[in-house]
PDB file of N, CA and C in Angstrom:
ATOM      1  N   MET A   1     -23.072 -26.888   0.662  1.00  0.00           N
ATOM      2  CA  MET A   1     -21.749 -26.440   1.024  1.00  0.00           C
ATOM      3  C   MET A   1     -21.028 -25.866  -0.182  1.00  0.00           C
ATOM      4  N   LEU A   2     -21.114 -26.553  -1.319  1.00  0.00           N
ATOM      5  CA  LEU A   2     -20.450 -26.090  -2.537  1.00  0.00           C
ATOM      6  C   LEU A   2     -21.073 -24.793  -3.040  1.00  0.00           C
ATOM      7  N   VAL A   3     -22.397 -24.693  -2.947  1.00  0.00           N
ATOM      8  CA  VAL A   3     -23.091 -23.483  -3.380  1.00  0.00           C
ATOM      9  C   VAL A   3     -22.695 -22.312  -2.498  1.00  0.00           C
ATOM     10  N   SER A   4     -22.553 -22.545  -1.209  1.00  0.00           N
ATOM     11  CA  SER A   4     -22.163 -21.501  -0.282  1.00  0.00           C
ATOM     12  C   SER A   4     -20.750 -20.992  -0.578  1.00  0.00           C
ATOM     13  N   SER A   5     -19.829 -21.911  -0.869  1.00  0.00           N
ATOM     14  CA  SER A   5     -18.469 -21.486  -1.165  1.00  0.00           C
ATOM     15  C   SER A   5     -18.398 -20.761  -2.508  1.00  0.00           C
ATOM     16  N   LEU A   6     -19.247 -21.154  -3.465  1.00  0.00           N
ATOM     17  CA  LEU A   6     -19.276 -20.445  -4.746  1.00  0.00           C
ATOM     18  C   LEU A   6     -19.820 -19.039  -4.582  1.00  0.00           C
ATOM     19  N   ARG A   7     -20.816 -18.875  -3.720  1.00  0.00           N
ATOM     20  CA  ARG A   7     -21.351 -17.536  -3.454  1.00  0.00           C
ATOM     21  C   ARG A   7     -20.309 -16.667  -2.767  1.00  0.00           C
ATOM     22  N   LEU A   8     -19.554 -17.245  -1.860  1.00  0.00           N
ATOM     23  CA  LEU A   8     -18.504 -16.503  -1.175  1.00  0.00           C
ATOM     24  C   LEU A   8     -17.426 -16.060  -2.158  1.00  0.00           C
ATOM     25  N   MET A   9     -17.032 -16.944  -3.062  1.00  0.00           N
ATOM     26  CA  MET A   9     -16.025 -16.592  -4.070  1.00  0.00           C
ATOM     27  C   MET A   9     -16.548 -15.498  -4.996  1.00  0.00           C
ATOM     28  N   ALA A  10     -17.827 -15.567  -5.356  1.00  0.00           N
ATOM     29  CA  ALA A  10     -18.419 -14.539  -6.209  1.00  0.00           C
ATOM     30  C   ALA A  10     -18.460 -13.194  -5.493  1.00  0.00           C
ATOM     31  N   LEU A  11     -18.757 -13.213  -4.198  1.00  0.00           N
ATOM     32  CA  LEU A  11     -18.775 -11.987  -3.414  1.00  0.00           C
ATOM     33  C   LEU A  11     -17.378 -11.382  -3.313  1.00  0.00           C
ATOM     34  N   ILE A  12     -16.389 -12.223  -3.049  1.00  0.00           N
ATOM     35  CA  ILE A  12     -15.006 -11.749  -2.962  1.00  0.00           C
ATOM     36  C   ILE A  12     -14.571 -11.179  -4.306  1.00  0.00           C
ATOM     37  N   HIS A  13     -14.901 -11.874  -5.382  1.00  0.00           N
ATOM     38  CA  HIS A  13     -14.537 -11.415  -6.727  1.00  0.00           C
ATOM     39  C   HIS A  13     -15.219 -10.090  -7.068  1.00  0.00           C
ATOM     40  N   ALA A  14     -16.415  -9.866  -6.557  1.00  0.00           N
ATOM     41  CA  ALA A  14     -17.137  -8.619  -6.829  1.00  0.00           C
ATOM     42  C   ALA A  14     -16.587  -7.459  -6.003  1.00  0.00           C
ATOM     43  N   LEU A  15     -16.139  -7.735  -4.784  1.00  0.00           N
ATOM     44  CA  LEU A  15     -15.673  -6.671  -3.900  1.00  0.00           C
ATOM     45  C   LEU A  15     -14.202  -6.296  -4.096  1.00  0.00           C
ATOM     46  N   LEU A  16     -13.408  -7.182  -4.644  1.00  0.00           N
ATOM     47  CA  LEU A  16     -11.969  -6.934  -4.757  1.00  0.00           C
ATOM     48  C   LEU A  16     -11.590  -5.690  -5.547  1.00  0.00           C
ATOM     49  N   PRO A  17     -12.212  -5.385  -6.673  1.00  0.00           N
ATOM     50  CA  PRO A  17     -11.811  -4.159  -7.388  1.00  0.00           C
ATOM     51  C   PRO A  17     -12.004  -2.890  -6.563  1.00  0.00           C
ATOM     52  N   GLY A  18     -13.086  -2.796  -5.841  1.00  0.00           N
ATOM     53  CA  GLY A  18     -13.316  -1.626  -4.987  1.00  0.00           C
ATOM     54  C   GLY A  18     -12.307  -1.532  -3.861  1.00  0.00           C
ATOM     55  N   VAL A  19     -11.996  -2.680  -3.260  1.00  0.00           N
ATOM     56  CA  VAL A  19     -10.998  -2.710  -2.190  1.00  0.00           C
ATOM     57  C   VAL A  19      -9.636  -2.303  -2.727  1.00  0.00           C
ATOM     58  N   GLN A  20      -9.297  -2.759  -3.926  1.00  0.00           N
ATOM     59  CA  GLN A  20      -8.009  -2.419  -4.514  1.00  0.00           C
ATOM     60  C   GLN A  20      -7.916  -0.929  -4.850  1.00  0.00           C
ATOM     61  N   VAL A  21      -9.001  -0.341  -5.298  1.00  0.00           N
ATOM     62  CA  VAL A  21      -9.002   1.096  -5.582  1.00  0.00           C
ATOM     63  C   VAL A  21      -8.770   1.891  -4.307  1.00  0.00           C
ATOM     64  N   VAL A  22      -9.475   1.538  -3.250  1.00  0.00           N
ATOM     65  CA  VAL A  22      -9.312   2.236  -1.975  1.00  0.00           C
ATOM     66  C   VAL A  22      -7.888   2.063  -1.441  1.00  0.00           C
ATOM     67  N   LEU A  23      -7.374   0.833  -1.484  1.00  0.00           N
ATOM     68  CA  LEU A  23      -6.009   0.597  -1.012  1.00  0.00           C
ATOM     69  C   LEU A  23      -4.980   1.347  -1.843  1.00  0.00           C
ATOM     70  N   SER A  24      -5.184   1.423  -3.155  1.00  0.00           N
ATOM     71  CA  SER A  24      -4.216   2.127  -3.991  1.00  0.00           C
ATOM     72  C   SER A  24      -4.216   3.620  -3.707  1.00  0.00           C
ATOM     73  N   ILE A  25      -5.384   4.211  -3.480  1.00  0.00           N
ATOM     74  CA  ILE A  25      -5.454   5.637  -3.146  1.00  0.00           C
ATOM     75  C   ILE A  25      -4.785   5.900  -1.800  1.00  0.00           C
ATOM     76  N   LEU A  26      -5.045   5.049  -0.821  1.00  0.00           N
ATOM     77  CA  LEU A  26      -4.402   5.206   0.487  1.00  0.00           C
ATOM     78  C   LEU A  26      -2.886   5.023   0.400  1.00  0.00           C
ATOM     79  N   LEU A  27      -2.445   4.086  -0.407  1.00  0.00           N
ATOM     80  CA  LEU A  27      -1.009   3.842  -0.570  1.00  0.00           C
ATOM     81  C   LEU A  27      -0.329   5.024  -1.244  1.00  0.00           C
ATOM     82  N   ILE A  28      -0.942   5.577  -2.269  1.00  0.00           N
ATOM     83  CA  ILE A  28      -0.381   6.755  -2.930  1.00  0.00           C
ATOM     84  C   ILE A  28      -0.298   7.918  -1.950  1.00  0.00           C
ATOM     85  N   GLY A  29      -1.348   8.123  -1.178  1.00  0.00           N
ATOM     86  CA  GLY A  29      -1.332   9.194  -0.176  1.00  0.00           C
ATOM     87  C   GLY A  29      -0.269   8.997   0.881  1.00  0.00           C
ATOM     88  N   ALA A  30      -0.105   7.765   1.357  1.00  0.00           N
ATOM     89  CA  ALA A  30       0.903   7.488   2.381  1.00  0.00           C
ATOM     90  C   ALA A  30       2.311   7.715   1.850  1.00  0.00           C
ATOM     91  N   ILE A  31       2.538   7.368   0.597  1.00  0.00           N
ATOM     92  CA  ILE A  31       3.865   7.576   0.013  1.00  0.00           C
ATOM     93  C   ILE A  31       4.123   9.061  -0.212  1.00  0.00           C
ATOM     94  N   LEU A  32       3.131   9.778  -0.702  1.00  0.00           N
ATOM     95  CA  LEU A  32       3.326  11.196  -0.968  1.00  0.00           C
ATOM     96  C   LEU A  32       3.473  12.027   0.302  1.00  0.00           C
ATOM     97  N   LEU A  33       2.925  11.569   1.400  1.00  0.00           N
ATOM     98  CA  LEU A  33       3.016  12.325   2.646  1.00  0.00           C
ATOM     99  C   LEU A  33       4.333  12.121   3.384  1.00  0.00           C
ATOM    100  N   GLN A  34       5.147  11.203   2.935  1.00  0.00           N
ATOM    101  CA  GLN A  34       6.443  11.021   3.580  1.00  0.00           C
ATOM    102  C   GLN A  34       7.351  12.177   3.208  1.00  0.00           C
ATOM    103  N   GLN A  35       8.170  12.654   4.139  1.00  0.00           N
ATOM    104  CA  GLN A  35       8.910  13.885   3.964  1.00  0.00           C
ATOM    105  C   GLN A  35      10.351  13.715   3.521  1.00  0.00           C
ATOM    106  N   ARG A  36      10.840  12.549   3.410  1.00  0.00           N
ATOM    107  CA  ARG A  36      12.244  12.343   3.064  1.00  0.00           C
ATOM    108  C   ARG A  36      12.511  12.728   1.614  1.00  0.00           C
ATOM    109  N   GLY A  37      13.569  13.508   1.383  1.00  0.00           N
ATOM    110  CA  GLY A  37      13.930  13.928   0.033  1.00  0.00           C
ATOM    111  C   GLY A  37      12.880  14.817  -0.582  1.00  0.00           C
ATOM    112  N   ALA A  38      12.586  15.943   0.053  1.00  0.00           N
ATOM    113  CA  ALA A  38      11.501  16.809  -0.391  1.00  0.00           C
ATOM    114  C   ALA A  38      11.763  17.432  -1.756  1.00  0.00           C
ATOM    115  N   GLY A  39      13.027  17.628  -2.128  1.00  0.00           N
ATOM    116  CA  GLY A  39      13.335  18.246  -3.408  1.00  0.00           C
ATOM    117  C   GLY A  39      13.369  17.237  -4.537  1.00  0.00           C
ATOM    118  N   LEU A  40      13.526  17.738  -5.769  1.00  0.00           N
ATOM    119  CA  LEU A  40      13.585  16.858  -6.929  1.00  0.00           C
ATOM    120  C   LEU A  40      14.850  16.020  -6.902  1.00  0.00           C
ATOM    121  N   GLY A  41      15.923  16.564  -6.363  1.00  0.00           N
ATOM    122  CA  GLY A  41      17.167  15.809  -6.258  1.00  0.00           C
ATOM    123  C   GLY A  41      17.029  14.611  -5.339  1.00  0.00           C
ATOM    124  N   GLY A  42      16.160  14.708  -4.346  1.00  0.00           N
ATOM    125  CA  GLY A  42      15.926  13.594  -3.437  1.00  0.00           C
ATOM    126  C   GLY A  42      15.306  12.399  -4.128  1.00  0.00           C
ATOM    127  N   ALA A  43      14.575  12.655  -5.215  1.00  0.00           N
ATOM    128  CA  ALA A  43      13.964  11.560  -5.962  1.00  0.00           C
ATOM    129  C   ALA A  43      15.011  10.742  -6.706  1.00  0.00           C
ATOM    130  N   PHE A  44      16.146  11.361  -7.008  1.00  0.00           N
ATOM    131  CA  PHE A  44      17.202  10.680  -7.749  1.00  0.00           C
ATOM    132  C   PHE A  44      18.379  10.303  -6.871  1.00  0.00           C
ATOM    133  N   GLY A  45      18.225  10.386  -5.558  1.00  0.00           N
ATOM    134  CA  GLY A  45      19.267   9.932  -4.651  1.00  0.00           C
ATOM    135  C   GLY A  45      20.227  11.010  -4.209  1.00  0.00           C
ATOM    136  N   ASP A  46      20.021  12.256  -4.617  1.00  0.00           N
ATOM    137  CA  ASP A  46      20.896  13.341  -4.213  1.00  0.00           C
ATOM    138  C   ASP A  46      20.474  13.844  -2.843  1.00  0.00           C
ATOM    139  N   SER A  47      21.211  13.469  -1.840  1.00  0.00           N
ATOM    140  CA  SER A  47      20.874  13.875  -0.484  1.00  0.00           C
ATOM    141  C   SER A  47      22.013  14.688   0.102  1.00  0.00           C
ATOM    142  N   THR A  48      21.686  15.846   0.658  1.00  0.00           N
ATOM    143  CA  THR A  48      22.721  16.679   1.252  1.00  0.00           C
ATOM    144  C   THR A  48      23.071  16.222   2.653  1.00  0.00           C
ATOM    145  N   GLU A  49      22.232  15.428   3.249  1.00  0.00           N
ATOM    146  CA  GLU A  49      22.500  14.917   4.589  1.00  0.00           C
ATOM    147  C   GLU A  49      23.235  13.591   4.497  1.00  0.00           C
ATOM    148  N   SER A  50      24.378  13.511   5.156  1.00  0.00           N
ATOM    149  CA  SER A  50      25.121  12.253   5.159  1.00  0.00           C
ATOM    150  C   SER A  50      25.194  11.668   6.563  1.00  0.00           C
ATOM    151  N   THR A  51      24.406  12.207   7.479  1.00  0.00           N
ATOM    152  CA  THR A  51      24.399  11.699   8.843  1.00  0.00           C
ATOM    153  C   THR A  51      23.324  10.634   8.997  1.00  0.00           C
ATOM    154  N   TYR A  52      23.395   9.932  10.117  1.00  0.00           N
ATOM    155  CA  TYR A  52      22.407   8.898  10.424  1.00  0.00           C
ATOM    156  C   TYR A  52      21.055   9.538  10.653  1.00  0.00           C
ATOM    157  N   TYR A  53      20.021   8.937  10.086  1.00  0.00           N
ATOM    158  CA  TYR A  53      18.681   9.498  10.173  1.00  0.00           C
ATOM    159  C   TYR A  53      17.739   8.445  10.727  1.00  0.00           C
ATOM    160  N   LYS A  54      16.953   8.830  11.740  1.00  0.00           N
ATOM    161  CA  LYS A  54      16.000   7.907  12.343  1.00  0.00           C
ATOM    162  C   LYS A  54      14.593   8.500  12.261  1.00  0.00           C
ATOM    163  N   ARG A  55      13.658   7.688  11.811  1.00  0.00           N
ATOM    164  CA  ARG A  55      12.268   8.137  11.733  1.00  0.00           C
ATOM    165  C   ARG A  55      11.662   8.134  13.131  1.00  0.00           C
ATOM    166  N   ARG A  56      10.855   9.162  13.393  1.00  0.00           N
ATOM    167  CA  ARG A  56      10.184   9.246  14.692  1.00  0.00           C
ATOM    168  C   ARG A  56       8.777   9.796  14.510  1.00  0.00           C
ATOM    169  N   GLY A  57       7.914   9.441  15.430  1.00  0.00           N
ATOM    170  CA  GLY A  57       6.576  10.003  15.471  1.00  0.00           C
ATOM    171  C   GLY A  57       5.735   9.699  14.251  1.00  0.00           C
ATOM    172  N   ALA A  58       5.181  10.774  13.671  1.00  0.00           N
ATOM    173  CA  ALA A  58       4.265  10.625  12.538  1.00  0.00           C
ATOM    174  C   ALA A  58       4.968  10.060  11.311  1.00  0.00           C
ATOM    175  N   GLU A  59       6.238  10.401  11.132  1.00  0.00           N
ATOM    176  CA  GLU A  59       6.970   9.882   9.977  1.00  0.00           C
ATOM    177  C   GLU A  59       7.150   8.367  10.067  1.00  0.00           C
ATOM    178  N   LEU A  60       7.408   7.863  11.259  1.00  0.00           N
ATOM    179  CA  LEU A  60       7.515   6.425  11.463  1.00  0.00           C
ATOM    180  C   LEU A  60       6.171   5.746  11.210  1.00  0.00           C
ATOM    181  N   PHE A  61       5.100   6.386  11.665  1.00  0.00           N
ATOM    182  CA  PHE A  61       3.759   5.842  11.441  1.00  0.00           C
ATOM    183  C   PHE A  61       3.448   5.770   9.948  1.00  0.00           C
ATOM    184  N   MET A  62       3.765   6.834   9.196  1.00  0.00           N
ATOM    185  CA  MET A  62       3.499   6.849   7.762  1.00  0.00           C
ATOM    186  C   MET A  62       4.340   5.800   7.035  1.00  0.00           C
ATOM    187  N   PHE A  63       5.576   5.615   7.471  1.00  0.00           N
ATOM    188  CA  PHE A  63       6.449   4.608   6.883  1.00  0.00           C
ATOM    189  C   PHE A  63       5.874   3.215   7.074  1.00  0.00           C
ATOM    190  N   ARG A  64       5.470   2.912   8.293  1.00  0.00           N
ATOM    191  CA  ARG A  64       4.895   1.595   8.580  1.00  0.00           C
ATOM    192  C   ARG A  64       3.540   1.407   7.914  1.00  0.00           C
ATOM    193  N   ALA A  65       2.743   2.478   7.846  1.00  0.00           N
ATOM    194  CA  ALA A  65       1.437   2.397   7.195  1.00  0.00           C
ATOM    195  C   ALA A  65       1.588   2.121   5.706  1.00  0.00           C
ATOM    196  N   SER A  66       2.595   2.739   5.079  1.00  0.00           N
ATOM    197  CA  SER A  66       2.792   2.495   3.648  1.00  0.00           C
ATOM    198  C   SER A  66       3.237   1.057   3.393  1.00  0.00           C
ATOM    199  N   ILE A  67       4.032   0.494   4.287  1.00  0.00           N
ATOM    200  CA  ILE A  67       4.428  -0.909   4.153  1.00  0.00           C
ATOM    201  C   ILE A  67       3.214  -1.824   4.307  1.00  0.00           C
ATOM    202  N   ALA A  68       2.392  -1.560   5.313  1.00  0.00           N
ATOM    203  CA  ALA A  68       1.199  -2.380   5.549  1.00  0.00           C
ATOM    204  C   ALA A  68       0.229  -2.276   4.374  1.00  0.00           C
ATOM    205  N   LEU A  69       0.041  -1.061   3.848  1.00  0.00           N
ATOM    206  CA  LEU A  69      -0.861  -0.895   2.708  1.00  0.00           C
ATOM    207  C   LEU A  69      -0.328  -1.598   1.463  1.00  0.00           C
ATOM    208  N   ALA A  70       0.973  -1.562   1.265  1.00  0.00           N
ATOM    209  CA  ALA A  70       1.563  -2.248   0.109  1.00  0.00           C
ATOM    210  C   ALA A  70       1.375  -3.754   0.219  1.00  0.00           C
ATOM    211  N   ILE A  71       1.538  -4.295   1.413  1.00  0.00           N
ATOM    212  CA  ILE A  71       1.334  -5.731   1.619  1.00  0.00           C
ATOM    213  C   ILE A  71      -0.130  -6.103   1.389  1.00  0.00           C
ATOM    214  N   LEU A  72      -1.044  -5.300   1.922  1.00  0.00           N
ATOM    215  CA  LEU A  72      -2.475  -5.569   1.712  1.00  0.00           C
ATOM    216  C   LEU A  72      -2.848  -5.480   0.234  1.00  0.00           C
ATOM    217  N   PHE A  73      -2.275  -4.502  -0.476  1.00  0.00           N
ATOM    218  CA  PHE A  73      -2.561  -4.367  -1.904  1.00  0.00           C
ATOM    219  C   PHE A  73      -2.043  -5.580  -2.668  1.00  0.00           C
ATOM    220  N   ALA A  74      -0.850  -6.037  -2.323  1.00  0.00           N
ATOM    221  CA  ALA A  74      -0.294  -7.221  -3.000  1.00  0.00           C
ATOM    222  C   ALA A  74      -1.139  -8.455  -2.715  1.00  0.00           C
ATOM    223  N   LEU A  75      -1.619  -8.598  -1.489  1.00  0.00           N
ATOM    224  CA  LEU A  75      -2.457  -9.745  -1.144  1.00  0.00           C
ATOM    225  C   LEU A  75      -3.795  -9.709  -1.872  1.00  0.00           C
ATOM    226  N   THR A  76      -4.397  -8.515  -2.004  1.00  0.00           N
ATOM    227  CA  THR A  76      -5.659  -8.433  -2.733  1.00  0.00           C
ATOM    228  C   THR A  76      -5.450  -8.687  -4.222  1.00  0.00           C
ATOM    229  N   ALA A  77      -4.293  -8.285  -4.762  1.00  0.00           N
ATOM    230  CA  ALA A  77      -4.009  -8.574  -6.161  1.00  0.00           C
ATOM    231  C   ALA A  77      -3.848 -10.091  -6.362  1.00  0.00           C
ATOM    232  N   LEU A  78      -3.189 -10.735  -5.426  1.00  0.00           N
ATOM    233  CA  LEU A  78      -3.039 -12.201  -5.494  1.00  0.00           C
ATOM    234  C   LEU A  78      -4.408 -12.884  -5.362  1.00  0.00           C
ATOM    235  N   ALA A  79      -5.233 -12.383  -4.471  1.00  0.00           N
ATOM    236  CA  ALA A  79      -6.578 -12.955  -4.306  1.00  0.00           C
ATOM    237  C   ALA A  79      -7.405 -12.765  -5.569  1.00  0.00           C
ATOM    238  N   ALA A  80      -7.227 -11.626  -6.248  1.00  0.00           N
ATOM    239  CA  ALA A  80      -7.966 -11.381  -7.481  1.00  0.00           C
ATOM    240  C   ALA A  80      -7.543 -12.361  -8.571  1.00  0.00           C
ATOM    241  N   ILE A  81      -6.263 -12.669  -8.604  1.00  0.00           N
ATOM    242  CA  ILE A  81      -5.766 -13.626  -9.590  1.00  0.00           C
ATOM    243  C   ILE A  81      -6.312 -15.029  -9.286  1.00  0.00           C
ATOM    244  N   LEU A  82      -6.320 -15.390  -8.009  1.00  0.00           N
ATOM    245  CA  LEU A  82      -6.753 -16.731  -7.629  1.00  0.00           C
ATOM    246  C   LEU A  82      -8.249 -16.945  -7.776  1.00  0.00           C
ATOM    247  N   THR A  83      -9.036 -15.892  -7.666  1.00  0.00           N
ATOM    248  CA  THR A  83     -10.488 -16.035  -7.768  1.00  0.00           C
ATOM    249  C   THR A  83     -11.001 -15.823  -9.186  1.00  0.00           C
ATOM    250  N   ALA A  84     -10.122 -15.472 -10.095  1.00  0.00           N
ATOM    251  CA  ALA A  84     -10.563 -15.204 -11.480  1.00  0.00           C
ATOM    252  C   ALA A  84     -10.953 -16.482 -12.189  1.00  0.00           C
TER     253      ALA A  84
END
């Protein structure tokens, strides 16, 4: 039983860097594909729109996907720390 759990921990420790690389690339892509604040001023909070804005369709999907990817990346980073 102990040998089996040690092998599992070794497997997780070996696979985590690859998983983190894939998650980080997907997270960067999801963030870059979001359309809010397309100009350079949008990066610093300069928004010409002062009306209420609601995400719909693909933009809502990308927003939620980036949140899910960020959570998964944080969990894999925590797992990497715990298995070290």
